[in-house]
Amino acid sequence: MDYLNVKISYTSAEFCLSFQLEDPNSNFLRIFDFTRPMAETCEATELKIKRTMEKTLAKQYKRLKKTSDEMNITIKLSDNPNKSHISTLDILKDSEYPVEIFNKTYSIVWNTPSVISLKIIKCILVGFPCYPVTKLENADESLAKFKWFRSITFLSKEQQKNVVYERQWTERGKKCLKPMKITPPDETNESQWCFIGGSSSYLPTTEDVDHWLLVECIPKNKDTEGQPFRTVSPVVVSAGPGKCPFEDRHKFTKERVSNLGLRVVTYNLLADLYVNKQFTYCPPYALEIAYRKQFFLKEIIGYNSDLVCLQEVDTKVFDGDLKPRLHLEGLPGIFDKKGGQVSEGLACFYRTDKLRLLQTESFTISEGLQERPIFRRVWETVCRNEKLKNRVLQRTNALQAHVFELIERPDRWLIVGNTHLYSHQDADHIRLLQAGLGMLYFEDLVNTLELKAPDKEIALIFCGDFNCFPSNGVLELMRKQHIPPDHKDWTSNVDEAVEDLPLINPIRMESARGTPLYTNYTDDFKDCLDYIFYQENRFNVSQVVPLPSEEELSANVGLPSVVFPSDHVSLVADLTWVTNKGS
């Protein structure tokens, strides 16, 4: 017997009736969800369900060239003669009998686990894990069961040509041959599918190339399990690009570091909204976020890191891909959108068996400059130059700050900063201001934590895309701890010159990866912009993962490419906390 799942939402004064409908006359199979007001009568609910199903099935019958007269839709939630005056919820609560929908009987269940949505990623490559994007209700995601199937049929040569036409149709602005729609096998026809795996993700092999994948999810909680839900991949499996440079880097990170160490990653992912015509040397398909995210996900997971600081993270990519995938690896994430209207921001992921999150904060640097007393001296200086003030206030760059307790050493607290500074070429003065404000903030945070917990040993790691060259003032501020009022960076734009502003940084920082030649590599720009700064008297660097060679970076002109998902490369370093190293 099938089930009619009744889900109640007391906050919105609504309830939802969820059931799976199968019509053998039209090979129709679908889960319906009807959200209705709690006070709605049973008769009104029956009428609403019937009209919706008639409308939905009419399209299916028309496609199959069948008449609507062949539909025999019956809806009977109750035999109660007073159902035109009694609410559906009251009827169902008191009902001792199953309900009837479309000549099938359904047993009533309440708030059982259910699948709200289930999707497979839009780019499936051999050698790259394929995972479902799920939204469950009344279910524990960690208990959900998954089954993977491969289609018996595969994409024919004629259909493969059609895929090429479809790609050209998109890339050339619909000026070439329009493709025909390719329909995958019916998900309900068991003879069309063979079982290939039973875990939450699936690693496609060469045997899967040109075949569709199907995933089935069975939602569960500690008490019961719900009805299975299936979906078919929107595309067939494609051959991967072959060996990727990050796979050689993974040879240095096969094992996690010891409990006294921390492996730190910083990575600018290249947000989708910044992928434009400047990367003409990269094939358009390799610029698609559906393609690129397969690469940076596999790369990040393979580093076995304890801390991952990311910049230019698309909101949708964080919610739908990074957050659920890295959570399965024991790395929950914190996302903060940068200021303004853009849909990208900063993300930090941390290893829960090594770090306990104590507090977190994020703010737009320009807003903090105006509002926070610790920045008053800098704000007064900025206000003396109207052009400087206007440009600074227009910047939407943000700063993330997280405080962790080391689980193996509760007497040690770690501050982790993450940022992405302004990128314009004439803005060395803006970047130096932003970095200086960041270090003023961390100085104040350290002092606050020391007053709160004087018995704790506190250390700082500051990661990000600082958009500054090794010769710029940001590196000098971190390493030498002082910027004089006549520093050259203050006049990088003469009209916006910063006057009479010395900066002092009491926390001496060092770059874990030093100053490599390149962390950003495109056809017309190549330099070092990204850094993992660490408190010099609190850590030793025990390992740095080698960067790709220039030969690898230039193999396809520049980054991004078919094997590099961003115009930046990731930095990976192992740090060991030490006590009384000296100052």
Protein backbone atom coordinates (compact mmCIF):
# COMPACT_ATOMS: atom_id res chain seq x y z
CA MET A 1 0.00 0.00 0.00
CA ASP A 2 1.23 3.55 -0.77
CA TYR A 3 1.29 6.33 1.79
CA LEU A 4 -0.30 9.75 2.06
CA ASN A 5 2.17 11.76 4.11
CA VAL A 6 0.58 14.58 6.11
CA LYS A 7 3.12 17.25 7.10
CA ILE A 8 2.05 20.03 9.45
CA SER A 9 3.70 23.46 9.71
CA TYR A 10 2.42 25.23 12.80
CA THR A 11 4.49 28.35 12.10
CA SER A 12 2.73 29.05 8.78
CA ALA A 13 -0.70 27.59 9.69
CA GLU A 14 -0.50 25.22 6.74
CA PHE A 15 -0.28 21.52 6.11
CA CYS A 16 1.05 19.54 3.17
CA LEU A 17 -0.30 16.36 1.62
CA SER A 18 2.43 14.42 -0.15
CA PHE A 19 1.91 11.27 -2.19
CA GLN A 20 3.29 9.43 -5.21
CA LEU A 21 0.93 9.07 -8.15
CA GLU A 22 1.33 6.46 -10.85
CA ASP A 23 -0.94 6.32 -13.90
CA PRO A 24 -0.27 3.15 -15.94
CA ASN A 25 -2.34 4.49 -18.85
CA SER A 26 0.17 7.28 -19.52
CA ASN A 27 3.35 5.94 -17.87
CA PHE A 28 3.12 8.89 -15.48
CA LEU A 29 4.95 8.79 -12.17
CA ARG A 30 5.37 11.79 -9.91
CA ILE A 31 5.33 12.88 -6.29
CA PHE A 32 2.69 15.53 -5.60
CA ASP A 33 2.92 18.02 -2.74
CA PHE A 34 -0.20 20.03 -1.94
CA THR A 35 0.22 22.82 0.61
CA ARG A 36 -3.14 23.91 1.97
CA PRO A 37 -4.49 26.16 4.78
CA MET A 38 -5.16 24.31 8.02
CA ALA A 39 -8.76 25.54 8.08
CA GLU A 40 -9.59 24.35 4.55
CA THR A 41 -12.50 21.92 4.34
CA CYS A 42 -12.00 18.37 3.17
CA GLU A 43 -14.27 18.88 0.17
CA ALA A 44 -12.26 21.94 -0.96
CA THR A 45 -8.99 20.01 -0.66
CA GLU A 46 -10.38 17.12 -2.73
CA LEU A 47 -11.48 19.57 -5.44
CA LYS A 48 -8.06 21.29 -5.49
CA ILE A 49 -6.21 17.98 -5.84
CA LYS A 50 -8.54 16.78 -8.60
CA ARG A 51 -8.23 19.96 -10.68
CA THR A 52 -4.44 20.01 -10.39
CA MET A 53 -4.14 16.36 -11.39
CA GLU A 54 -6.52 16.81 -14.32
CA LYS A 55 -4.45 19.72 -15.60
CA THR A 56 -1.16 17.87 -15.15
CA LEU A 57 -2.29 14.60 -16.69
CA ALA A 58 -4.01 16.35 -19.62
CA LYS A 59 -0.58 17.43 -20.90
CA GLN A 60 0.71 13.86 -20.61
CA TYR A 61 -2.33 12.42 -22.41
CA LYS A 62 -2.05 15.02 -25.17
CA ARG A 63 1.59 14.13 -25.71
CA LEU A 64 0.61 10.45 -26.02
CA LYS A 65 -2.32 11.37 -28.29
CA LYS A 66 -4.85 10.02 -25.85
CA THR A 67 -8.15 11.64 -24.98
CA SER A 68 -8.83 13.09 -21.57
CA ASP A 69 -11.91 10.87 -21.43
CA GLU A 70 -9.57 8.00 -20.68
CA MET A 71 -8.58 9.68 -17.42
CA ASN A 72 -10.46 8.37 -14.45
CA ILE A 73 -9.50 10.64 -11.60
CA THR A 74 -11.18 9.92 -8.30
CA ILE A 75 -10.26 11.67 -5.05
CA LYS A 76 -11.78 10.49 -1.81
CA LEU A 77 -10.14 11.61 1.39
CA SER A 78 -13.17 10.61 3.46
CA ASP A 79 -16.69 9.18 3.32
CA ASN A 80 -17.85 11.62 5.99
CA PRO A 81 -21.09 13.21 4.75
CA ASN A 82 -20.17 16.48 6.51
CA LYS A 83 -16.78 16.90 4.82
CA SER A 84 -17.92 20.15 3.21
CA HIS A 85 -17.97 21.68 6.71
CA ILE A 86 -15.08 19.89 8.45
CA SER A 87 -11.41 20.71 7.91
CA THR A 88 -9.21 18.23 6.08
CA LEU A 89 -6.87 17.93 9.06
CA ASP A 90 -9.71 17.06 11.43
CA ILE A 91 -11.05 14.50 8.97
CA LEU A 92 -7.67 12.81 8.51
CA LYS A 93 -6.88 12.80 12.25
CA ASP A 94 -10.11 10.96 13.02
CA SER A 95 -10.04 8.69 9.97
CA GLU A 96 -9.60 4.97 10.54
CA TYR A 97 -9.66 4.12 6.85
CA PRO A 98 -7.21 4.65 3.98
CA VAL A 99 -7.91 7.39 1.45
CA GLU A 100 -8.45 6.81 -2.28
CA ILE A 101 -6.66 8.75 -5.02
CA PHE A 102 -6.84 7.73 -8.67
CA ASN A 103 -8.22 4.28 -7.85
CA LYS A 104 -5.35 3.60 -5.44
CA THR A 105 -5.57 3.38 -1.69
CA TYR A 106 -3.17 5.27 0.53
CA SER A 107 -2.50 4.71 4.20
CA ILE A 108 -2.24 7.95 6.20
CA VAL A 109 1.11 8.68 7.87
CA TRP A 110 2.18 11.82 9.71
CA ASN A 111 5.40 13.81 9.27
CA THR A 112 7.42 10.95 7.84
CA PRO A 113 10.82 11.61 6.25
CA SER A 114 10.49 12.86 2.69
CA VAL A 115 12.58 14.13 -0.21
CA ILE A 116 11.68 17.69 -1.18
CA SER A 117 14.11 17.83 -4.10
CA LEU A 118 16.83 15.65 -5.56
CA LYS A 119 19.16 16.71 -8.35
CA ILE A 120 22.34 15.40 -9.94
CA ILE A 121 25.09 17.83 -10.91
CA LYS A 122 25.03 19.15 -14.47
CA CYS A 123 28.55 18.09 -15.37
CA ILE A 124 29.59 14.46 -14.83
CA LEU A 125 33.20 13.54 -15.57
CA VAL A 126 35.11 10.28 -15.30
CA GLY A 127 37.30 10.37 -12.20
CA PHE A 128 35.35 13.17 -10.48
CA PRO A 129 32.84 12.25 -7.74
CA CYS A 130 29.21 12.67 -8.76
CA TYR A 131 26.93 13.64 -5.91
CA PRO A 132 23.23 14.42 -5.51
CA VAL A 133 21.99 17.78 -4.26
CA THR A 134 19.23 16.91 -1.81
CA LYS A 135 16.67 18.75 0.24
CA LEU A 136 15.03 16.55 2.87
CA GLU A 137 12.24 17.09 5.37
CA ASN A 138 11.78 15.37 8.74
CA ALA A 139 14.92 13.39 7.93
CA ASP A 140 18.51 13.06 9.10
CA GLU A 141 20.77 13.62 6.09
CA SER A 142 23.46 11.40 7.58
CA LEU A 143 21.01 8.46 7.68
CA ALA A 144 19.71 8.80 4.11
CA LYS A 145 20.33 5.82 1.84
CA PHE A 146 21.40 6.20 -1.78
CA LYS A 147 21.49 3.82 -4.73
CA TRP A 148 23.16 4.58 -8.07
CA PHE A 149 22.22 3.11 -11.44
CA ARG A 150 23.64 3.37 -14.96
CA SER A 151 21.41 3.37 -18.03
CA ILE A 152 21.58 0.30 -20.24
CA THR A 153 21.24 2.50 -23.31
CA PHE A 154 23.86 5.09 -24.20
CA LEU A 155 24.14 8.19 -26.32
CA SER A 156 24.40 7.22 -29.98
CA LYS A 157 26.86 8.84 -32.38
CA GLU A 158 24.03 10.83 -33.91
CA GLN A 159 22.96 12.03 -30.47
CA GLN A 160 26.58 12.89 -29.61
CA LYS A 161 26.63 15.17 -32.66
CA ASN A 162 23.51 16.74 -31.24
CA VAL A 163 25.33 17.51 -28.01
CA VAL A 164 27.95 19.34 -30.09
CA TYR A 165 25.18 21.25 -31.87
CA GLU A 166 23.66 22.15 -28.51
CA ARG A 167 26.99 23.49 -27.23
CA GLN A 168 27.48 25.51 -30.42
CA TRP A 169 23.88 26.72 -30.18
CA THR A 170 24.72 28.19 -26.78
CA GLU A 171 28.23 29.46 -27.52
CA ARG A 172 27.45 31.10 -30.88
CA GLY A 173 24.32 32.87 -29.85
CA LYS A 174 21.86 30.43 -31.50
CA LYS A 175 23.22 30.96 -35.01
CA CYS A 176 23.88 27.33 -35.89
CA LEU A 177 21.80 24.18 -36.26
CA LYS A 178 19.28 23.91 -33.43
CA PRO A 179 19.60 20.64 -31.49
CA MET A 180 16.84 18.15 -30.95
CA LYS A 181 15.91 17.35 -27.38
CA ILE A 182 17.48 14.13 -26.14
CA THR A 183 15.32 12.20 -23.69
CA PRO A 184 16.96 9.86 -21.16
CA PRO A 185 15.47 6.43 -20.33
CA ASP A 186 12.37 6.23 -18.15
CA GLU A 187 13.41 6.25 -14.49
CA THR A 188 10.57 3.90 -13.55
CA ASN A 189 11.54 1.20 -16.06
CA GLU A 190 13.81 -1.10 -14.04
CA SER A 191 14.95 -2.96 -17.17
CA GLN A 192 16.59 0.24 -18.42
CA TRP A 193 18.98 0.55 -15.46
CA CYS A 194 21.71 -1.49 -13.77
CA PHE A 195 22.84 -1.02 -10.17
CA ILE A 196 26.38 0.42 -9.80
CA GLY A 197 26.77 1.71 -6.25
CA GLY A 198 25.24 2.36 -2.85
CA SER A 199 26.96 5.36 -1.26
CA SER A 200 26.16 9.07 -1.02
CA SER A 201 28.34 9.80 -4.06
CA TYR A 202 29.52 7.87 -7.09
CA LEU A 203 32.87 7.94 -8.89
CA PRO A 204 32.22 7.52 -12.65
CA THR A 205 34.50 5.22 -14.64
CA THR A 206 35.19 4.84 -18.34
CA GLU A 207 32.39 2.24 -18.50
CA ASP A 208 29.92 5.02 -17.71
CA VAL A 209 30.90 7.31 -20.59
CA ASP A 210 27.87 8.32 -22.73
CA HIS A 211 25.46 6.71 -20.24
CA TRP A 212 22.95 8.45 -17.99
CA LEU A 213 23.04 8.00 -14.22
CA LEU A 214 20.07 7.58 -11.90
CA VAL A 215 20.15 8.11 -8.15
CA GLU A 216 17.55 6.93 -5.65
CA CYS A 217 17.31 8.50 -2.21
CA ILE A 218 15.50 6.90 0.72
CA PRO A 219 15.07 9.54 3.48
CA LYS A 220 15.35 8.35 7.07
CA ASN A 221 15.29 9.55 10.63
CA LYS A 222 15.97 7.62 13.81
CA ASP A 223 12.41 6.28 13.91
CA THR A 224 11.39 5.50 10.34
CA GLU A 225 12.15 5.86 6.67
CA GLY A 226 10.17 7.56 3.93
CA GLN A 227 9.36 6.74 0.34
CA PRO A 228 12.21 6.44 -2.16
CA PHE A 229 12.67 9.29 -4.61
CA ARG A 230 14.49 8.99 -7.94
CA THR A 231 16.00 11.37 -10.44
CA VAL A 232 17.98 10.99 -13.67
CA SER A 233 21.09 12.97 -14.50
CA PRO A 234 20.49 15.92 -16.85
CA VAL A 235 23.53 14.89 -18.90
CA VAL A 236 25.43 11.72 -19.74
CA VAL A 237 28.85 10.94 -18.29
CA SER A 238 31.74 12.53 -20.21
CA ALA A 239 35.38 11.55 -20.37
CA GLY A 240 37.51 13.56 -17.96
CA PRO A 241 40.45 15.76 -18.99
CA GLY A 242 43.03 13.22 -17.87
CA LYS A 243 45.56 13.82 -15.12
CA CYS A 244 45.24 17.17 -13.35
CA PRO A 245 48.18 19.08 -11.80
CA PHE A 246 46.57 19.06 -8.37
CA GLU A 247 46.84 15.26 -8.32
CA ASP A 248 50.63 15.60 -8.06
CA ARG A 249 50.11 18.04 -5.18
CA HIS A 250 47.88 15.49 -3.44
CA LYS A 251 50.91 13.21 -3.11
CA PHE A 252 52.09 15.54 -0.32
CA THR A 253 48.75 15.47 1.52
CA LYS A 254 47.74 11.80 1.51
CA GLU A 255 47.83 11.77 5.30
CA ARG A 256 46.42 14.32 7.72
CA VAL A 257 48.82 16.22 9.95
CA SER A 258 49.21 15.35 13.63
CA ASN A 259 47.00 16.81 16.34
CA LEU A 260 49.64 19.43 17.13
CA GLY A 261 49.72 20.62 13.53
CA LEU A 262 47.34 22.44 11.21
CA ARG A 263 47.11 22.11 7.44
CA VAL A 264 45.88 25.39 6.00
CA VAL A 265 44.56 26.11 2.49
CA THR A 266 43.73 29.44 0.90
CA TYR A 267 42.10 29.56 -2.54
CA ASN A 268 40.39 32.15 -4.71
CA LEU A 269 37.81 30.11 -6.66
CA LEU A 270 36.99 32.72 -9.35
CA ALA A 271 33.33 33.55 -8.82
CA ASP A 272 31.04 32.78 -11.73
CA LEU A 273 29.99 36.42 -12.18
CA TYR A 274 33.61 37.38 -12.95
CA VAL A 275 34.00 34.82 -15.73
CA ASN A 276 33.85 37.02 -18.80
CA LYS A 277 35.37 37.49 -22.21
CA GLN A 278 38.87 38.11 -20.84
CA PHE A 279 39.57 34.34 -20.72
CA THR A 280 39.27 33.84 -24.49
CA TYR A 281 42.02 31.21 -24.44
CA CYS A 282 39.89 28.87 -22.29
CA PRO A 283 37.19 26.70 -23.95
CA PRO A 284 33.74 28.03 -22.98
CA TYR A 285 32.64 24.69 -21.49
CA ALA A 286 35.62 24.79 -19.10
CA LEU A 287 34.48 28.21 -17.85
CA GLU A 288 31.05 26.91 -16.86
CA ILE A 289 30.67 26.74 -13.09
CA ALA A 290 29.13 23.25 -13.42
CA TYR A 291 32.46 22.11 -14.88
CA ARG A 292 34.83 24.14 -12.70
CA LYS A 293 33.30 23.20 -9.35
CA GLN A 294 34.05 19.52 -9.96
CA PHE A 295 37.73 20.41 -10.04
CA PHE A 296 38.05 22.65 -7.02
CA LEU A 297 35.91 20.30 -4.92
CA LYS A 298 38.10 17.30 -5.72
CA GLU A 299 41.23 19.41 -5.25
CA ILE A 300 40.20 20.79 -1.86
CA ILE A 301 39.06 17.41 -0.50
CA GLY A 302 42.35 15.80 -1.56
CA TYR A 303 44.39 18.19 0.60
CA ASN A 304 43.03 16.65 3.84
CA SER A 305 43.11 20.10 5.41
CA ASP A 306 42.16 21.38 8.84
CA LEU A 307 41.39 24.93 7.70
CA VAL A 308 40.21 26.01 4.25
CA CYS A 309 39.83 29.74 3.54
CA LEU A 310 38.12 30.53 0.24
CA GLN A 311 37.49 33.76 -1.64
CA GLU A 312 35.11 34.58 -4.51
CA VAL A 313 32.69 31.87 -3.40
CA ASP A 314 29.35 31.96 -5.21
CA THR A 315 26.43 31.81 -2.79
CA LYS A 316 24.77 28.99 -4.76
CA VAL A 317 28.02 27.02 -4.97
CA PHE A 318 28.49 27.29 -1.20
CA ASP A 319 24.92 26.21 -0.40
CA GLY A 320 24.54 23.52 -3.04
CA ASP A 321 28.06 22.08 -3.36
CA LEU A 322 30.81 23.19 -0.99
CA LYS A 323 28.82 23.14 2.25
CA PRO A 324 27.16 19.70 1.86
CA ARG A 325 30.20 18.00 0.28
CA LEU A 326 32.82 19.28 2.71
CA HIS A 327 30.50 18.65 5.65
CA LEU A 328 30.63 14.95 4.73
CA GLU A 329 34.43 15.23 5.05
CA GLY A 330 34.13 16.60 8.59
CA LEU A 331 34.55 20.21 7.46
CA PRO A 332 31.52 22.40 8.20
CA GLY A 333 31.61 25.83 6.63
CA ILE A 334 30.89 29.48 7.44
CA PHE A 335 29.92 31.78 4.58
CA ASP A 336 29.69 35.56 4.57
CA LYS A 337 28.65 37.50 1.50
CA LYS A 338 30.71 40.58 0.73
CA GLY A 339 29.04 43.99 0.67
CA GLY A 340 27.01 45.40 -2.20
CA GLN A 341 24.76 43.50 -4.58
CA VAL A 342 27.14 40.73 -5.68
CA SER A 343 26.34 37.11 -4.87
CA GLU A 344 29.82 36.02 -3.80
CA GLY A 345 31.83 36.18 -0.63
CA LEU A 346 34.20 34.49 1.80
CA ALA A 347 33.99 30.96 3.21
CA CYS A 348 35.94 29.17 5.92
CA PHE A 349 35.79 25.42 6.57
CA TYR A 350 37.28 23.78 9.66
CA ARG A 351 37.99 20.25 10.88
CA THR A 352 35.57 19.50 13.73
CA ASP A 353 37.66 16.75 15.33
CA LYS A 354 40.51 19.24 15.77
CA LEU A 355 38.88 22.66 16.17
CA ARG A 356 35.88 23.84 18.19
CA LEU A 357 34.29 27.08 16.97
CA LEU A 358 33.94 29.62 19.78
CA GLN A 359 32.85 32.75 17.92
CA THR A 360 32.68 34.20 14.44
CA GLU A 361 32.26 37.66 12.94
CA SER A 362 32.26 39.24 9.50
CA PHE A 363 32.00 42.85 8.38
CA THR A 364 32.46 45.03 5.32
CA ILE A 365 35.72 46.87 5.90
CA SER A 366 34.43 50.26 4.70
CA GLU A 367 31.44 50.06 7.06
CA GLY A 368 33.63 49.00 9.97
CA LEU A 369 35.94 51.95 9.26
CA GLN A 370 33.09 54.38 9.88
CA GLU A 371 31.49 52.62 12.84
CA ARG A 372 34.21 51.08 15.03
CA PRO A 373 36.08 53.20 17.59
CA ILE A 374 39.33 51.25 17.06
CA PHE A 375 39.48 52.65 13.51
CA ARG A 376 38.82 56.32 14.45
CA ARG A 377 42.36 57.56 13.77
CA VAL A 378 42.39 56.01 10.30
CA TRP A 379 38.88 57.28 9.55
CA GLU A 380 39.82 60.86 10.48
CA THR A 381 42.81 60.66 8.12
CA VAL A 382 40.71 59.31 5.27
CA CYS A 383 38.10 62.04 5.72
CA ARG A 384 40.69 64.74 5.04
CA ASN A 385 40.73 63.72 1.35
CA GLU A 386 37.25 63.69 -0.20
CA LYS A 387 38.27 61.64 -3.25
CA LEU A 388 40.00 59.09 -1.02
CA LYS A 389 37.00 58.95 1.30
CA ASN A 390 34.56 58.36 -1.57
CA ARG A 391 36.64 55.59 -3.10
CA VAL A 392 37.21 53.83 0.22
CA LEU A 393 33.51 53.90 1.07
CA GLN A 394 32.58 52.44 -2.32
CA ARG A 395 34.62 49.32 -1.64
CA THR A 396 32.66 46.22 -0.60
CA ASN A 397 35.60 44.08 0.53
CA ALA A 398 34.93 42.06 3.68
CA LEU A 399 36.82 40.47 6.54
CA GLN A 400 35.97 37.18 8.24
CA ALA A 401 37.26 36.40 11.74
CA HIS A 402 36.75 33.10 13.57
CA VAL A 403 37.97 32.02 16.99
CA PHE A 404 38.63 28.32 17.59
CA GLU A 405 39.69 26.22 20.54
CA LEU A 406 42.09 23.37 19.80
CA ILE A 407 40.33 20.24 20.99
CA GLU A 408 43.55 18.45 22.00
CA ARG A 409 44.83 21.61 23.71
CA PRO A 410 41.92 23.60 25.18
CA ASP A 411 44.46 26.10 26.55
CA ARG A 412 45.13 27.23 22.96
CA TRP A 413 42.80 29.54 21.05
CA LEU A 414 43.27 30.22 17.36
CA ILE A 415 42.08 33.29 15.46
CA VAL A 416 41.59 32.71 11.73
CA GLY A 417 41.15 35.69 9.40
CA ASN A 418 40.02 35.50 5.79
CA THR A 419 39.78 38.38 3.32
CA HIS A 420 39.83 39.49 -0.31
CA LEU A 421 41.26 42.98 -0.78
CA TYR A 422 40.55 45.54 -3.51
CA SER A 423 42.07 44.62 -6.86
CA HIS A 424 42.45 47.78 -8.97
CA GLN A 425 45.97 48.41 -10.22
CA ASP A 426 46.21 52.01 -8.91
CA ALA A 427 44.97 51.07 -5.43
CA ASP A 428 48.06 50.08 -3.41
CA HIS A 429 47.00 52.74 -0.89
CA ILE A 430 43.50 51.22 -0.54
CA ARG A 431 44.88 47.72 -0.02
CA LEU A 432 47.37 48.96 2.58
CA LEU A 433 44.55 50.73 4.41
CA GLN A 434 42.39 47.60 4.32
CA ALA A 435 45.23 45.35 5.55
CA GLY A 436 46.08 47.86 8.26
CA LEU A 437 42.47 47.95 9.43
CA GLY A 438 42.46 44.16 9.48
CA MET A 439 45.52 44.02 11.73
CA LEU A 440 44.08 46.75 14.02
CA TYR A 441 40.96 44.59 14.33
CA PHE A 442 42.98 41.47 15.17
CA GLU A 443 45.09 43.38 17.71
CA ASP A 444 41.89 44.47 19.46
CA LEU A 445 40.44 40.96 19.27
CA VAL A 446 43.57 39.42 20.80
CA ASN A 447 43.47 41.97 23.66
CA THR A 448 39.77 41.25 24.26
CA LEU A 449 40.31 37.50 24.35
CA GLU A 450 43.31 37.81 26.68
CA LEU A 451 41.22 39.81 29.14
CA LYS A 452 38.41 37.28 28.86
CA ALA A 453 40.66 34.23 29.21
CA PRO A 454 44.11 35.20 30.55
CA ASP A 455 45.16 31.56 30.86
CA LYS A 456 44.79 30.92 27.11
CA GLU A 457 47.59 30.95 24.55
CA ILE A 458 46.29 32.87 21.51
CA ALA A 459 47.62 32.80 17.94
CA LEU A 460 46.63 34.32 14.60
CA ILE A 461 46.48 33.00 11.02
CA PHE A 462 45.42 35.47 8.31
CA CYS A 463 44.64 34.08 4.83
CA GLY A 464 43.34 35.47 1.60
CA ASP A 465 43.72 37.08 -1.77
CA PHE A 466 45.45 40.31 -0.73
CA ASN A 467 45.90 41.46 -4.34
CA CYS A 468 49.31 42.82 -3.43
CA PHE A 469 52.77 42.10 -4.84
CA PRO A 470 55.64 41.03 -2.58
CA SER A 471 57.13 44.53 -3.02
CA ASN A 472 53.99 46.27 -1.70
CA GLY A 473 53.38 47.72 1.73
CA VAL A 474 51.05 44.95 2.87
CA LEU A 475 53.98 42.51 3.10
CA GLU A 476 56.04 45.17 4.84
CA LEU A 477 53.29 45.77 7.39
CA MET A 478 53.05 42.06 8.15
CA ARG A 479 56.78 41.37 8.37
CA LYS A 480 58.35 44.63 9.56
CA GLN A 481 55.31 45.71 11.57
CA HIS A 482 55.58 49.37 10.62
CA ILE A 483 54.54 51.61 7.71
CA PRO A 484 55.93 55.17 7.77
CA PRO A 485 53.71 58.14 6.80
CA ASP A 486 55.76 58.72 3.64
CA HIS A 487 55.52 55.13 2.32
CA LYS A 488 55.35 54.92 -1.47
CA ASP A 489 52.05 53.00 -1.44
CA TRP A 490 50.24 55.97 0.10
CA THR A 491 50.67 57.85 -3.20
CA SER A 492 49.79 55.08 -5.66
CA ASN A 493 47.00 57.44 -6.76
CA VAL A 494 48.12 61.06 -6.33
CA ASP A 495 44.58 62.45 -6.17
CA GLU A 496 43.73 60.04 -3.35
CA ALA A 497 47.02 60.23 -1.47
CA VAL A 498 46.99 59.16 2.17
CA GLU A 499 48.79 61.80 4.22
CA ASP A 500 50.41 61.60 7.64
CA LEU A 501 49.27 58.08 8.53
CA PRO A 502 51.85 55.74 10.05
CA LEU A 503 50.71 52.15 10.71
CA ILE A 504 51.99 49.94 13.51
CA ASN A 505 51.31 46.20 13.65
CA PRO A 506 52.19 44.61 17.04
CA ILE A 507 51.68 41.04 15.75
CA ARG A 508 54.58 39.99 13.60
CA MET A 509 53.37 37.87 10.72
CA GLU A 510 55.19 35.77 8.13
CA SER A 511 54.10 34.22 4.84
CA ALA A 512 53.96 30.42 5.10
CA ARG A 513 54.56 29.99 1.38
CA GLY A 514 57.02 32.87 1.16
CA THR A 515 56.58 34.90 -2.04
CA PRO A 516 56.29 32.52 -4.99
CA LEU A 517 56.55 33.89 -8.51
CA TYR A 518 52.91 33.22 -9.29
CA THR A 519 49.66 32.57 -7.48
CA ASN A 520 47.65 34.18 -10.30
CA TYR A 521 48.48 33.30 -13.91
CA THR A 522 46.55 34.56 -16.94
CA ASP A 523 47.56 35.44 -20.48
CA ASP A 524 48.25 39.10 -19.61
CA PHE A 525 48.97 39.02 -15.85
CA LYS A 526 51.23 36.82 -13.75
CA ASP A 527 52.25 37.50 -10.16
CA CYS A 528 51.95 36.62 -6.47
CA LEU A 529 48.72 37.88 -4.85
CA ASP A 530 47.69 35.21 -2.31
CA TYR A 531 49.16 34.52 1.13
CA ILE A 532 48.85 32.42 4.28
CA PHE A 533 50.15 34.75 6.98
CA TYR A 534 50.86 33.22 10.38
CA GLN A 535 51.94 34.65 13.73
CA GLU A 536 55.69 34.22 13.56
CA ASN A 537 56.28 33.52 17.28
CA ARG A 538 53.48 30.94 17.52
CA PHE A 539 54.07 28.64 14.55
CA ASN A 540 56.72 26.80 12.60
CA VAL A 541 56.16 25.81 8.97
CA SER A 542 56.62 22.05 8.71
CA GLN A 543 55.64 21.64 5.04
CA VAL A 544 54.57 23.66 2.03
CA VAL A 545 52.93 21.85 -0.85
CA PRO A 546 54.76 22.66 -4.11
CA LEU A 547 52.97 24.86 -6.60
CA PRO A 548 52.37 23.78 -10.21
CA SER A 549 55.32 24.46 -12.49
CA GLU A 550 55.24 27.33 -14.97
CA GLU A 551 55.20 24.71 -17.70
CA GLU A 552 51.93 23.35 -16.26
CA LEU A 553 50.49 26.84 -15.75
CA SER A 554 51.25 27.92 -19.33
CA ALA A 555 50.33 24.63 -21.04
CA ASN A 556 46.96 26.11 -22.09
CA VAL A 557 48.18 29.73 -22.30
CA GLY A 558 46.95 30.64 -18.80
CA LEU A 559 44.41 30.03 -16.06
CA PRO A 560 41.62 29.03 -15.93
CA SER A 561 41.91 26.06 -18.29
CA VAL A 562 40.51 22.58 -18.78
CA VAL A 563 42.51 21.39 -15.74
CA PHE A 564 42.68 24.58 -13.62
CA PRO A 565 39.27 25.82 -12.42
CA SER A 566 40.40 29.31 -11.38
CA ASP A 567 42.81 32.02 -12.45
CA HIS A 568 44.45 31.54 -9.04
CA VAL A 569 46.22 28.49 -7.63
CA SER A 570 45.66 27.28 -4.10
CA LEU A 571 48.29 27.62 -1.38
CA VAL A 572 48.72 24.74 1.10
CA ALA A 573 50.95 24.78 4.19
CA ASP A 574 51.36 22.70 7.33
CA LEU A 575 51.91 24.72 10.52
CA THR A 576 53.01 23.46 13.92
CA TRP A 577 52.05 25.43 17.02
CA VAL A 578 55.02 26.09 19.27
CA THR A 579 55.27 27.76 22.68
CA ASN A 580 57.76 30.47 23.67
CA LYS A 581 59.37 30.55 20.26
CA GLY A 582 60.47 34.10 20.88
CA SER A 583 59.38 37.38 19.39
